[in-house]
Amino acid sequence: MDKKPAKKGRPIKKIDVEQVRALARLGCTYDEIADVLGMARSTFGNKLKQKEVREAYERGLSEGDVSIRRAQYDAAVNGKTAMLIWLGKNRLNQTDRVETKTENEITDT
C-alpha cells in the first residue's frame, strides 16, 4: 500500500492579482488589502515578493495616481479644486512651492 506523505503547514493562500491591482488603484494600504484578501499583513508582504503580485500592486498604484491627475485637471478646468489639491498633496506628494528671492548689495568701503 502506497501512502502519500501528509501535507504540513497551512494551505497556500491564492491571490487574485486583479483584485490587488484594483485595491492598489484605490490607494488601499497594505493592511486594507491584506484584510480584503483574508490574510495577515505579513503574508501579503511575503506575497509581494512574487513578481506577478508586485507588478499588479505597482501598476494599480500608478493607475490610481494617473486617475487623480486626470481628475485634478478636469476639476481645475471646471473650477472645483479643494479636494483634488488635498488628494494631490497626500497621495502624489505634491506641495505648495514658495519661492523667495534675496538680493544683497555689496559695497567696498
PDB file of N, CA and C in Angstrom:
ATOM      1  N   MET A   1       0.834  -1.179   0.000  1.00  0.00           N
ATOM      2  CA  MET A   1       0.000   0.000   0.000  1.00  0.00           C
ATOM      3  C   MET A   1       0.887   1.253   0.000  1.00  0.00           C
ATOM      4  N   ASP A   2       0.672   2.129  -0.999  1.00  0.00           N
ATOM      5  CA  ASP A   2       1.441   3.371  -1.064  1.00  0.00           C
ATOM      6  C   ASP A   2       0.736   4.429  -0.237  1.00  0.00           C
ATOM      7  N   LYS A   3       1.492   5.042   0.613  1.00  0.00           N
ATOM      8  CA  LYS A   3       0.935   6.075   1.478  1.00  0.00           C
ATOM      9  C   LYS A   3       1.535   7.418   1.073  1.00  0.00           C
ATOM     10  N   LYS A   4       0.683   8.397   0.817  1.00  0.00           N
ATOM     11  CA  LYS A   4       1.153   9.733   0.465  1.00  0.00           C
ATOM     12  C   LYS A   4       1.604  10.431   1.739  1.00  0.00           C
ATOM     13  N   PRO A   5       2.685  11.205   1.639  1.00  0.00           N
ATOM     14  CA  PRO A   5       3.115  11.937   2.830  1.00  0.00           C
ATOM     15  C   PRO A   5       2.075  12.992   3.202  1.00  0.00           C
ATOM     16  N   ALA A   6       1.905  13.179   4.480  1.00  0.00           N
ATOM     17  CA  ALA A   6       0.941  14.169   4.967  1.00  0.00           C
ATOM     18  C   ALA A   6       1.451  15.570   4.637  1.00  0.00           C
ATOM     19  N   LYS A   7       0.533  16.432   4.248  1.00  0.00           N
ATOM     20  CA  LYS A   7       0.897  17.826   3.997  1.00  0.00           C
ATOM     21  C   LYS A   7       1.121  18.500   5.340  1.00  0.00           C
ATOM     22  N   LYS A   8       2.148  19.317   5.391  1.00  0.00           N
ATOM     23  CA  LYS A   8       2.451  20.023   6.631  1.00  0.00           C
ATOM     24  C   LYS A   8       2.245  21.516   6.424  1.00  0.00           C
ATOM     25  N   GLY A   9       1.886  22.172   7.478  1.00  0.00           N
ATOM     26  CA  GLY A   9       1.723  23.616   7.423  1.00  0.00           C
ATOM     27  C   GLY A   9       0.356  24.039   6.915  1.00  0.00           C
ATOM     28  N   ARG A  10       0.200  25.340   6.859  1.00  0.00           N
ATOM     29  CA  ARG A  10      -1.068  25.912   6.402  1.00  0.00           C
ATOM     30  C   ARG A  10      -1.186  25.802   4.889  1.00  0.00           C
ATOM     31  N   PRO A  11      -2.428  25.802   4.408  1.00  0.00           N
ATOM     32  CA  PRO A  11      -2.596  25.785   2.949  1.00  0.00           C
ATOM     33  C   PRO A  11      -2.121  27.115   2.354  1.00  0.00           C
ATOM     34  N   ILE A  12      -1.606  27.047   1.147  1.00  0.00           N
ATOM     35  CA  ILE A  12      -1.118  28.251   0.465  1.00  0.00           C
ATOM     36  C   ILE A  12      -2.309  29.101   0.044  1.00  0.00           C
ATOM     37  N   LYS A  13      -2.231  30.394   0.379  1.00  0.00           N
ATOM     38  CA  LYS A  13      -3.305  31.325   0.013  1.00  0.00           C
ATOM     39  C   LYS A  13      -3.081  31.807  -1.418  1.00  0.00           C
ATOM     40  N   LYS A  14      -4.101  31.664  -2.224  1.00  0.00           N
ATOM     41  CA  LYS A  14      -4.056  32.162  -3.605  1.00  0.00           C
ATOM     42  C   LYS A  14      -4.436  33.637  -3.589  1.00  0.00           C
ATOM     43  N   ILE A  15      -3.799  34.392  -4.448  1.00  0.00           N
ATOM     44  CA  ILE A  15      -4.092  35.824  -4.541  1.00  0.00           C
ATOM     45  C   ILE A  15      -4.621  36.129  -5.934  1.00  0.00           C
ATOM     46  N   ASP A  16      -5.709  36.874  -5.980  1.00  0.00           N
ATOM     47  CA  ASP A  16      -6.259  37.374  -7.240  1.00  0.00           C
ATOM     48  C   ASP A  16      -5.513  38.674  -7.555  1.00  0.00           C
ATOM     49  N   VAL A  17      -4.585  38.616  -8.505  1.00  0.00           N
ATOM     50  CA  VAL A  17      -3.759  39.786  -8.796  1.00  0.00           C
ATOM     51  C   VAL A  17      -4.581  40.959  -9.319  1.00  0.00           C
ATOM     52  N   GLU A  18      -5.682  40.685  -9.992  1.00  0.00           N
ATOM     53  CA  GLU A  18      -6.540  41.779 -10.464  1.00  0.00           C
ATOM     54  C   GLU A  18      -7.212  42.487  -9.284  1.00  0.00           C
ATOM     55  N   GLN A  19      -7.516  41.743  -8.234  1.00  0.00           N
ATOM     56  CA  GLN A  19      -8.092  42.354  -7.042  1.00  0.00           C
ATOM     57  C   GLN A  19      -7.038  43.213  -6.345  1.00  0.00           C
ATOM     58  N   VAL A  20      -5.805  42.725  -6.286  1.00  0.00           N
ATOM     59  CA  VAL A  20      -4.706  43.512  -5.711  1.00  0.00           C
ATOM     60  C   VAL A  20      -4.546  44.807  -6.500  1.00  0.00           C
ATOM     61  N   ARG A  21      -4.558  44.703  -7.812  1.00  0.00           N
ATOM     62  CA  ARG A  21      -4.416  45.878  -8.681  1.00  0.00           C
ATOM     63  C   ARG A  21      -5.547  46.878  -8.437  1.00  0.00           C
ATOM     64  N   ALA A  22      -6.778  46.382  -8.363  1.00  0.00           N
ATOM     65  CA  ALA A  22      -7.934  47.266  -8.159  1.00  0.00           C
ATOM     66  C   ALA A  22      -7.864  47.963  -6.803  1.00  0.00           C
ATOM     67  N   LEU A  23      -7.464  47.242  -5.768  1.00  0.00           N
ATOM     68  CA  LEU A  23      -7.372  47.831  -4.431  1.00  0.00           C
ATOM     69  C   LEU A  23      -6.236  48.850  -4.364  1.00  0.00           C
ATOM     70  N   ALA A  24      -5.111  48.541  -5.002  1.00  0.00           N
ATOM     71  CA  ALA A  24      -3.995  49.491  -5.039  1.00  0.00           C
ATOM     72  C   ALA A  24      -4.393  50.750  -5.804  1.00  0.00           C
ATOM     73  N   ARG A  25      -5.164  50.585  -6.868  1.00  0.00           N
ATOM     74  CA  ARG A  25      -5.639  51.726  -7.664  1.00  0.00           C
ATOM     75  C   ARG A  25      -6.459  52.681  -6.792  1.00  0.00           C
ATOM     76  N   LEU A  26      -7.191  52.117  -5.825  1.00  0.00           N
ATOM     77  CA  LEU A  26      -7.989  52.940  -4.913  1.00  0.00           C
ATOM     78  C   LEU A  26      -7.149  53.578  -3.808  1.00  0.00           C
ATOM     79  N   GLY A  27      -5.876  53.186  -3.718  1.00  0.00           N
ATOM     80  CA  GLY A  27      -4.996  53.741  -2.695  1.00  0.00           C
ATOM     81  C   GLY A  27      -5.082  53.012  -1.372  1.00  0.00           C
ATOM     82  N   CYS A  28      -5.553  51.773  -1.378  1.00  0.00           N
ATOM     83  CA  CYS A  28      -5.671  50.993  -0.142  1.00  0.00           C
ATOM     84  C   CYS A  28      -4.289  50.713   0.448  1.00  0.00           C
ATOM     85  N   THR A  29      -4.222  50.668   1.774  1.00  0.00           N
ATOM     86  CA  THR A  29      -2.978  50.356   2.469  1.00  0.00           C
ATOM     87  C   THR A  29      -2.711  48.860   2.417  1.00  0.00           C
ATOM     88  N   TYR A  30      -1.485  48.464   2.788  1.00  0.00           N
ATOM     89  CA  TYR A  30      -1.163  47.032   2.884  1.00  0.00           C
ATOM     90  C   TYR A  30      -2.158  46.331   3.800  1.00  0.00           C
ATOM     91  N   ASP A  31      -2.443  46.946   4.956  1.00  0.00           N
ATOM     92  CA  ASP A  31      -3.368  46.334   5.922  1.00  0.00           C
ATOM     93  C   ASP A  31      -4.750  46.137   5.314  1.00  0.00           C
ATOM     94  N   GLU A  32      -5.242  47.136   4.600  1.00  0.00           N
ATOM     95  CA  GLU A  32      -6.567  47.034   3.987  1.00  0.00           C
ATOM     96  C   GLU A  32      -6.604  45.949   2.915  1.00  0.00           C
ATOM     97  N   ILE A  33      -5.572  45.901   2.085  1.00  0.00           N
ATOM     98  CA  ILE A  33      -5.532  44.876   1.040  1.00  0.00           C
ATOM     99  C   ILE A  33      -5.457  43.490   1.669  1.00  0.00           C
ATOM    100  N   ALA A  34      -4.597  43.330   2.664  1.00  0.00           N
ATOM    101  CA  ALA A  34      -4.470  42.036   3.344  1.00  0.00           C
ATOM    102  C   ALA A  34      -5.801  41.620   3.956  1.00  0.00           C
ATOM    103  N   ASP A  35      -6.508  42.562   4.568  1.00  0.00           N
ATOM    104  CA  ASP A  35      -7.795  42.259   5.196  1.00  0.00           C
ATOM    105  C   ASP A  35      -8.818  41.804   4.157  1.00  0.00           C
ATOM    106  N   VAL A  36      -8.897  42.516   3.045  1.00  0.00           N
ATOM    107  CA  VAL A  36      -9.837  42.141   1.983  1.00  0.00           C
ATOM    108  C   VAL A  36      -9.498  40.757   1.424  1.00  0.00           C
ATOM    109  N   LEU A  37      -8.200  40.463   1.308  1.00  0.00           N
ATOM    110  CA  LEU A  37      -7.772  39.167   0.787  1.00  0.00           C
ATOM    111  C   LEU A  37      -7.862  38.054   1.832  1.00  0.00           C
ATOM    112  N   GLY A  38      -8.133  38.431   3.093  1.00  0.00           N
ATOM    113  CA  GLY A  38      -8.284  37.439   4.155  1.00  0.00           C
ATOM    114  C   GLY A  38      -6.970  36.853   4.637  1.00  0.00           C
ATOM    115  N   MET A  39      -5.950  37.704   4.727  1.00  0.00           N
ATOM    116  CA  MET A  39      -4.651  37.218   5.191  1.00  0.00           C
ATOM    117  C   MET A  39      -3.990  38.267   6.067  1.00  0.00           C
ATOM    118  N   ALA A  40      -2.964  37.846   6.787  1.00  0.00           N
ATOM    119  CA  ALA A  40      -2.206  38.763   7.639  1.00  0.00           C
ATOM    120  C   ALA A  40      -1.384  39.703   6.766  1.00  0.00           C
ATOM    121  N   ARG A  41      -1.070  40.865   7.327  1.00  0.00           N
ATOM    122  CA  ARG A  41      -0.253  41.840   6.598  1.00  0.00           C
ATOM    123  C   ARG A  41       1.084  41.217   6.215  1.00  0.00           C
ATOM    124  N   SER A  42       1.671  40.456   7.123  1.00  0.00           N
ATOM    125  CA  SER A  42       2.967  39.829   6.844  1.00  0.00           C
ATOM    126  C   SER A  42       2.872  38.837   5.684  1.00  0.00           C
ATOM    127  N   THR A  43       1.751  38.122   5.599  1.00  0.00           N
ATOM    128  CA  THR A  43       1.552  37.185   4.493  1.00  0.00           C
ATOM    129  C   THR A  43       1.455  37.951   3.180  1.00  0.00           C
ATOM    130  N   PHE A  44       0.708  39.054   3.195  1.00  0.00           N
ATOM    131  CA  PHE A  44       0.605  39.870   1.988  1.00  0.00           C
ATOM    132  C   PHE A  44       1.973  40.432   1.611  1.00  0.00           C
ATOM    133  N   GLY A  45       2.732  40.866   2.613  1.00  0.00           N
ATOM    134  CA  GLY A  45       4.089  41.355   2.355  1.00  0.00           C
ATOM    135  C   GLY A  45       4.951  40.295   1.687  1.00  0.00           C
ATOM    136  N   ASN A  46       4.807  39.056   2.134  1.00  0.00           N
ATOM    137  CA  ASN A  46       5.549  37.953   1.507  1.00  0.00           C
ATOM    138  C   ASN A  46       5.072  37.709   0.079  1.00  0.00           C
ATOM    139  N   LYS A  47       3.773  37.832  -0.145  1.00  0.00           N
ATOM    140  CA  LYS A  47       3.226  37.629  -1.492  1.00  0.00           C
ATOM    141  C   LYS A  47       3.731  38.701  -2.459  1.00  0.00           C
ATOM    142  N   LEU A  48       4.011  39.904  -1.931  1.00  0.00           N
ATOM    143  CA  LEU A  48       4.513  40.986  -2.782  1.00  0.00           C
ATOM    144  C   LEU A  48       5.910  40.692  -3.328  1.00  0.00           C
ATOM    145  N   LYS A  49       6.570  39.690  -2.772  1.00  0.00           N
ATOM    146  CA  LYS A  49       7.880  39.285  -3.294  1.00  0.00           C
ATOM    147  C   LYS A  49       7.737  38.523  -4.609  1.00  0.00           C
ATOM    148  N   GLN A  50       6.518  38.053  -4.873  1.00  0.00           N
ATOM    149  CA  GLN A  50       6.257  37.369  -6.143  1.00  0.00           C
ATOM    150  C   GLN A  50       6.093  38.434  -7.229  1.00  0.00           C
ATOM    151  N   LYS A  51       6.792  38.254  -8.331  1.00  0.00           N
ATOM    152  CA  LYS A  51       6.822  39.253  -9.404  1.00  0.00           C
ATOM    153  C   LYS A  51       5.426  39.646  -9.875  1.00  0.00           C
ATOM    154  N   GLU A  52       4.565  38.673 -10.104  1.00  0.00           N
ATOM    155  CA  GLU A  52       3.226  38.945 -10.638  1.00  0.00           C
ATOM    156  C   GLU A  52       2.396  39.796  -9.670  1.00  0.00           C
ATOM    157  N   VAL A  53       2.483  39.495  -8.387  1.00  0.00           N
ATOM    158  CA  VAL A  53       1.724  40.246  -7.373  1.00  0.00           C
ATOM    159  C   VAL A  53       2.291  41.655  -7.246  1.00  0.00           C
ATOM    160  N   ARG A  54       3.632  41.777  -7.199  1.00  0.00           N
ATOM    161  CA  ARG A  54       4.285  43.074  -7.062  1.00  0.00           C
ATOM    162  C   ARG A  54       3.943  43.980  -8.254  1.00  0.00           C
ATOM    163  N   GLU A  55       4.000  43.420  -9.462  1.00  0.00           N
ATOM    164  CA  GLU A  55       3.686  44.211 -10.656  1.00  0.00           C
ATOM    165  C   GLU A  55       2.231  44.668 -10.659  1.00  0.00           C
ATOM    166  N   ALA A  56       1.315  43.812 -10.218  1.00  0.00           N
ATOM    167  CA  ALA A  56      -0.101  44.187 -10.150  1.00  0.00           C
ATOM    168  C   ALA A  56      -0.295  45.318  -9.146  1.00  0.00           C
ATOM    169  N   TYR A  57       0.379  45.222  -7.995  1.00  0.00           N
ATOM    170  CA  TYR A  57       0.279  46.248  -6.956  1.00  0.00           C
ATOM    171  C   TYR A  57       0.829  47.582  -7.477  1.00  0.00           C
ATOM    172  N   GLU A  58       2.015  47.559  -8.055  1.00  0.00           N
ATOM    173  CA  GLU A  58       2.634  48.790  -8.553  1.00  0.00           C
ATOM    174  C   GLU A  58       1.838  49.399  -9.703  1.00  0.00           C
ATOM    175  N   ARG A  59       1.314  48.551 -10.582  1.00  0.00           N
ATOM    176  CA  ARG A  59       0.505  49.056 -11.691  1.00  0.00           C
ATOM    177  C   ARG A  59      -0.767  49.720 -11.162  1.00  0.00           C
ATOM    178  N   GLY A  60      -1.389  49.112 -10.168  1.00  0.00           N
ATOM    179  CA  GLY A  60      -2.583  49.696  -9.568  1.00  0.00           C
ATOM    180  C   GLY A  60      -2.307  51.056  -8.956  1.00  0.00           C
ATOM    181  N   LEU A  61      -1.180  51.173  -8.241  1.00  0.00           N
ATOM    182  CA  LEU A  61      -0.816  52.469  -7.664  1.00  0.00           C
ATOM    183  C   LEU A  61      -0.649  53.520  -8.759  1.00  0.00           C
ATOM    184  N   SER A  62       0.046  53.153  -9.821  1.00  0.00           N
ATOM    185  CA  SER A  62       0.266  54.090 -10.930  1.00  0.00           C
ATOM    186  C   SER A  62      -1.045  54.491 -11.591  1.00  0.00           C
ATOM    187  N   GLU A  63      -1.915  53.521 -11.809  1.00  0.00           N
ATOM    188  CA  GLU A  63      -3.213  53.820 -12.426  1.00  0.00           C
ATOM    189  C   GLU A  63      -4.026  54.761 -11.540  1.00  0.00           C
ATOM    190  N   GLY A  64      -3.974  54.551 -10.230  1.00  0.00           N
ATOM    191  CA  GLY A  64      -4.685  55.431  -9.310  1.00  0.00           C
ATOM    192  C   GLY A  64      -4.140  56.843  -9.349  1.00  0.00           C
ATOM    193  N   ASP A  65      -2.806  56.965  -9.384  1.00  0.00           N
ATOM    194  CA  ASP A  65      -2.183  58.287  -9.446  1.00  0.00           C
ATOM    195  C   ASP A  65      -2.561  59.015 -10.732  1.00  0.00           C
ATOM    196  N   VAL A  66      -2.559  58.306 -11.840  1.00  0.00           N
ATOM    197  CA  VAL A  66      -2.945  58.910 -13.122  1.00  0.00           C
ATOM    198  C   VAL A  66      -4.405  59.341 -13.083  1.00  0.00           C
ATOM    199  N   SER A  67      -5.237  58.535 -12.462  1.00  0.00           N
ATOM    200  CA  SER A  67      -6.655  58.867 -12.345  1.00  0.00           C
ATOM    201  C   SER A  67      -6.853  60.155 -11.546  1.00  0.00           C
ATOM    202  N   ILE A  68      -6.082  60.292 -10.461  1.00  0.00           N
ATOM    203  CA  ILE A  68      -6.164  61.518  -9.654  1.00  0.00           C
ATOM    204  C   ILE A  68      -5.686  62.712 -10.478  1.00  0.00           C
ATOM    205  N   ARG A  69      -4.592  62.538 -11.177  1.00  0.00           N
ATOM    206  CA  ARG A  69      -4.084  63.646 -12.001  1.00  0.00           C
ATOM    207  C   ARG A  69      -5.114  64.071 -13.054  1.00  0.00           C
ATOM    208  N   ARG A  70      -5.764  63.090 -13.675  1.00  0.00           N
ATOM    209  CA  ARG A  70      -6.787  63.390 -14.685  1.00  0.00           C
ATOM    210  C   ARG A  70      -7.947  64.152 -14.036  1.00  0.00           C
ATOM    211  N   ALA A  71      -8.374  63.687 -12.869  1.00  0.00           N
ATOM    212  CA  ALA A  71      -9.480  64.351 -12.173  1.00  0.00           C
ATOM    213  C   ALA A  71      -9.077  65.755 -11.735  1.00  0.00           C
ATOM    214  N   GLN A  72      -7.823  65.916 -11.306  1.00  0.00           N
ATOM    215  CA  GLN A  72      -7.343  67.247 -10.929  1.00  0.00           C
ATOM    216  C   GLN A  72      -7.431  68.202 -12.116  1.00  0.00           C
ATOM    217  N   TYR A  73      -6.991  67.746 -13.244  1.00  0.00           N
ATOM    218  CA  TYR A  73      -7.029  68.586 -14.438  1.00  0.00           C
ATOM    219  C   TYR A  73      -8.466  68.948 -14.794  1.00  0.00           C
ATOM    220  N   ASP A  74      -9.344  67.943 -14.832  1.00  0.00           N
ATOM    221  CA  ASP A  74     -10.748  68.192 -15.173  1.00  0.00           C
ATOM    222  C   ASP A  74     -11.397  69.142 -14.174  1.00  0.00           C
ATOM    223  N   ALA A  75     -11.118  68.930 -12.881  1.00  0.00           N
ATOM    224  CA  ALA A  75     -11.708  69.786 -11.854  1.00  0.00           C
ATOM    225  C   ALA A  75     -11.151  71.204 -11.937  1.00  0.00           C
ATOM    226  N   ALA A  76      -9.861  71.322 -12.194  1.00  0.00           N
ATOM    227  CA  ALA A  76      -9.260  72.652 -12.295  1.00  0.00           C
ATOM    228  C   ALA A  76      -9.879  73.435 -13.443  1.00  0.00           C
ATOM    229  N   VAL A  77     -10.121  72.760 -14.555  1.00  0.00           N
ATOM    230  CA  VAL A  77     -10.752  73.401 -15.705  1.00  0.00           C
ATOM    231  C   VAL A  77     -12.166  73.845 -15.346  1.00  0.00           C
ATOM    232  N   ASN A  78     -12.830  73.083 -14.485  1.00  0.00           N
ATOM    233  CA  ASN A  78     -14.205  73.401 -14.093  1.00  0.00           C
ATOM    234  C   ASN A  78     -14.296  74.184 -12.788  1.00  0.00           C
ATOM    235  N   GLY A  79     -13.159  74.556 -12.192  1.00  0.00           N
ATOM    236  CA  GLY A  79     -13.153  75.410 -11.012  1.00  0.00           C
ATOM    237  C   GLY A  79     -13.393  74.729  -9.679  1.00  0.00           C
ATOM    238  N   LYS A  80     -13.330  73.404  -9.580  1.00  0.00           N
ATOM    239  CA  LYS A  80     -13.543  72.690  -8.311  1.00  0.00           C
ATOM    240  C   LYS A  80     -12.237  72.018  -7.904  1.00  0.00           C
ATOM    241  N   THR A  81     -11.475  72.657  -7.012  1.00  0.00           N
ATOM    242  CA  THR A  81     -10.126  72.155  -6.769  1.00  0.00           C
ATOM    243  C   THR A  81      -9.793  71.727  -5.343  1.00  0.00           C
ATOM    244  N   ALA A  82     -10.553  72.069  -4.342  1.00  0.00           N
ATOM    245  CA  ALA A  82     -10.141  71.852  -2.948  1.00  0.00           C
ATOM    246  C   ALA A  82      -9.806  70.393  -2.621  1.00  0.00           C
ATOM    247  N   MET A  83     -10.696  69.465  -2.910  1.00  0.00           N
ATOM    248  CA  MET A  83     -10.437  68.063  -2.589  1.00  0.00           C
ATOM    249  C   MET A  83      -9.306  67.502  -3.432  1.00  0.00           C
ATOM    250  N   LEU A  84      -9.231  67.914  -4.681  1.00  0.00           N
ATOM    251  CA  LEU A  84      -8.179  67.401  -5.547  1.00  0.00           C
ATOM    252  C   LEU A  84      -6.804  67.910  -5.132  1.00  0.00           C
ATOM    253  N   ILE A  85      -6.736  69.123  -4.615  1.00  0.00           N
ATOM    254  CA  ILE A  85      -5.471  69.632  -4.081  1.00  0.00           C
ATOM    255  C   ILE A  85      -5.063  68.779  -2.889  1.00  0.00           C
ATOM    256  N   TRP A  86      -6.010  68.490  -2.016  1.00  0.00           N
ATOM    257  CA  TRP A  86      -5.724  67.659  -0.841  1.00  0.00           C
ATOM    258  C   TRP A  86      -5.243  66.272  -1.266  1.00  0.00           C
ATOM    259  N   LEU A  87      -5.933  65.645  -2.210  1.00  0.00           N
ATOM    260  CA  LEU A  87      -5.525  64.323  -2.693  1.00  0.00           C
ATOM    261  C   LEU A  87      -4.136  64.377  -3.323  1.00  0.00           C
ATOM    262  N   GLY A  88      -3.889  65.408  -4.086  1.00  0.00           N
ATOM    263  CA  GLY A  88      -2.583  65.546  -4.720  1.00  0.00           C
ATOM    264  C   GLY A  88      -1.461  65.670  -3.710  1.00  0.00           C
ATOM    265  N   LYS A  89      -1.686  66.440  -2.662  1.00  0.00           N
ATOM    266  CA  LYS A  89      -0.662  66.609  -1.631  1.00  0.00           C
ATOM    267  C   LYS A  89      -0.446  65.321  -0.846  1.00  0.00           C
ATOM    268  N   ASN A  90      -1.526  64.622  -0.537  1.00  0.00           N
ATOM    269  CA  ASN A  90      -1.410  63.447   0.319  1.00  0.00           C
ATOM    270  C   ASN A  90      -1.048  62.167  -0.421  1.00  0.00           C
ATOM    271  N   ARG A  91      -1.473  62.024  -1.631  1.00  0.00           N
ATOM    272  CA  ARG A  91      -1.193  60.777  -2.348  1.00  0.00           C
ATOM    273  C   ARG A  91      -0.072  60.918  -3.372  1.00  0.00           C
ATOM    274  N   LEU A  92       0.035  62.083  -3.974  1.00  0.00           N
ATOM    275  CA  LEU A  92       1.030  62.281  -5.023  1.00  0.00           C
ATOM    276  C   LEU A  92       2.237  63.084  -4.546  1.00  0.00           C
ATOM    277  N   ASN A  93       2.265  63.430  -3.259  1.00  0.00           N
ATOM    278  CA  ASN A  93       3.371  64.186  -2.660  1.00  0.00           C
ATOM    279  C   ASN A  93       3.598  65.533  -3.335  1.00  0.00           C
ATOM    280  N   GLN A  94       2.518  66.140  -3.798  1.00  0.00           N
ATOM    281  CA  GLN A  94       2.627  67.470  -4.371  1.00  0.00           C
ATOM    282  C   GLN A  94       2.676  68.474  -3.220  1.00  0.00           C
ATOM    283  N   THR A  95       3.353  69.590  -3.432  1.00  0.00           N
ATOM    284  CA  THR A  95       3.473  70.597  -2.383  1.00  0.00           C
ATOM    285  C   THR A  95       3.222  71.977  -2.962  1.00  0.00           C
ATOM    286  N   ASP A  96       2.912  72.905  -2.063  1.00  0.00           N
ATOM    287  CA  ASP A  96       2.863  74.304  -2.452  1.00  0.00           C
ATOM    288  C   ASP A  96       4.310  74.780  -2.479  1.00  0.00           C
ATOM    289  N   ARG A  97       4.688  75.421  -3.538  1.00  0.00           N
ATOM    290  CA  ARG A  97       6.063  75.868  -3.666  1.00  0.00           C
ATOM    291  C   ARG A  97       6.113  77.359  -3.364  1.00  0.00           C
ATOM    292  N   VAL A  98       6.945  77.720  -2.406  1.00  0.00           N
ATOM    293  CA  VAL A  98       7.138  79.123  -2.071  1.00  0.00           C
ATOM    294  C   VAL A  98       8.550  79.491  -2.495  1.00  0.00           C
ATOM    295  N   GLU A  99       8.633  80.438  -3.394  1.00  0.00           N
ATOM    296  CA  GLU A  99       9.945  80.865  -3.863  1.00  0.00           C
ATOM    297  C   GLU A  99      10.285  82.195  -3.218  1.00  0.00           C
ATOM    298  N   THR A 100      11.507  82.277  -2.730  1.00  0.00           N
ATOM    299  CA  THR A 100      11.973  83.534  -2.150  1.00  0.00           C
ATOM    300  C   THR A 100      13.219  83.971  -2.907  1.00  0.00           C
ATOM    301  N   LYS A 101      13.343  85.256  -3.032  1.00  0.00           N
ATOM    302  CA  LYS A 101      14.493  85.806  -3.735  1.00  0.00           C
ATOM    303  C   LYS A 101      15.119  86.851  -2.825  1.00  0.00           C
ATOM    304  N   THR A 102      16.399  86.691  -2.612  1.00  0.00           N
ATOM    305  CA  THR A 102      17.112  87.627  -1.755  1.00  0.00           C
ATOM    306  C   THR A 102      18.147  88.358  -2.598  1.00  0.00           C
ATOM    307  N   GLU A 103      18.126  89.670  -2.479  1.00  0.00           N
ATOM    308  CA  GLU A 103      19.119  90.471  -3.192  1.00  0.00           C
ATOM    309  C   GLU A 103      19.895  91.273  -2.166  1.00  0.00           C
ATOM    310  N   ASN A 104      21.180  91.122  -2.204  1.00  0.00           N
ATOM    311  CA  ASN A 104      22.055  91.883  -1.316  1.00  0.00           C
ATOM    312  C   ASN A 104      23.020  92.686  -2.170  1.00  0.00           C
ATOM    313  N   GLU A 105      23.209  93.915  -1.768  1.00  0.00           N
ATOM    314  CA  GLU A 105      24.163  94.759  -2.477  1.00  0.00           C
ATOM    315  C   GLU A 105      25.428  94.820  -1.642  1.00  0.00           C
ATOM    316  N   ILE A 106      26.548  94.504  -2.262  1.00  0.00           N
ATOM    317  CA  ILE A 106      27.825  94.523  -1.553  1.00  0.00           C
ATOM    318  C   ILE A 106      28.608  95.732  -2.043  1.00  0.00           C
ATOM    319  N   THR A 107      29.079  96.500  -1.089  1.00  0.00           N
ATOM    320  CA  THR A 107      29.875  97.681  -1.446  1.00  0.00           C
ATOM    321  C   THR A 107      31.227  97.595  -0.761  1.00  0.00           C
ATOM    322  N   ASP A 108      32.264  98.058  -1.447  1.00  0.00           N
ATOM    323  CA  ASP A 108      33.600  98.136  -0.855  1.00  0.00           C
ATOM    324  C   ASP A 108      33.717  99.461  -0.128  1.00  0.00           C
ATOM    325  N   THR A 109      34.255  99.444   1.058  1.00  0.00           N
ATOM    326  CA  THR A 109      34.451 100.699   1.790  1.00  0.00           C
ATOM    327  C   THR A 109      35.893 100.895   2.128  1.00  0.00           C
TER     328      THR A 109
END
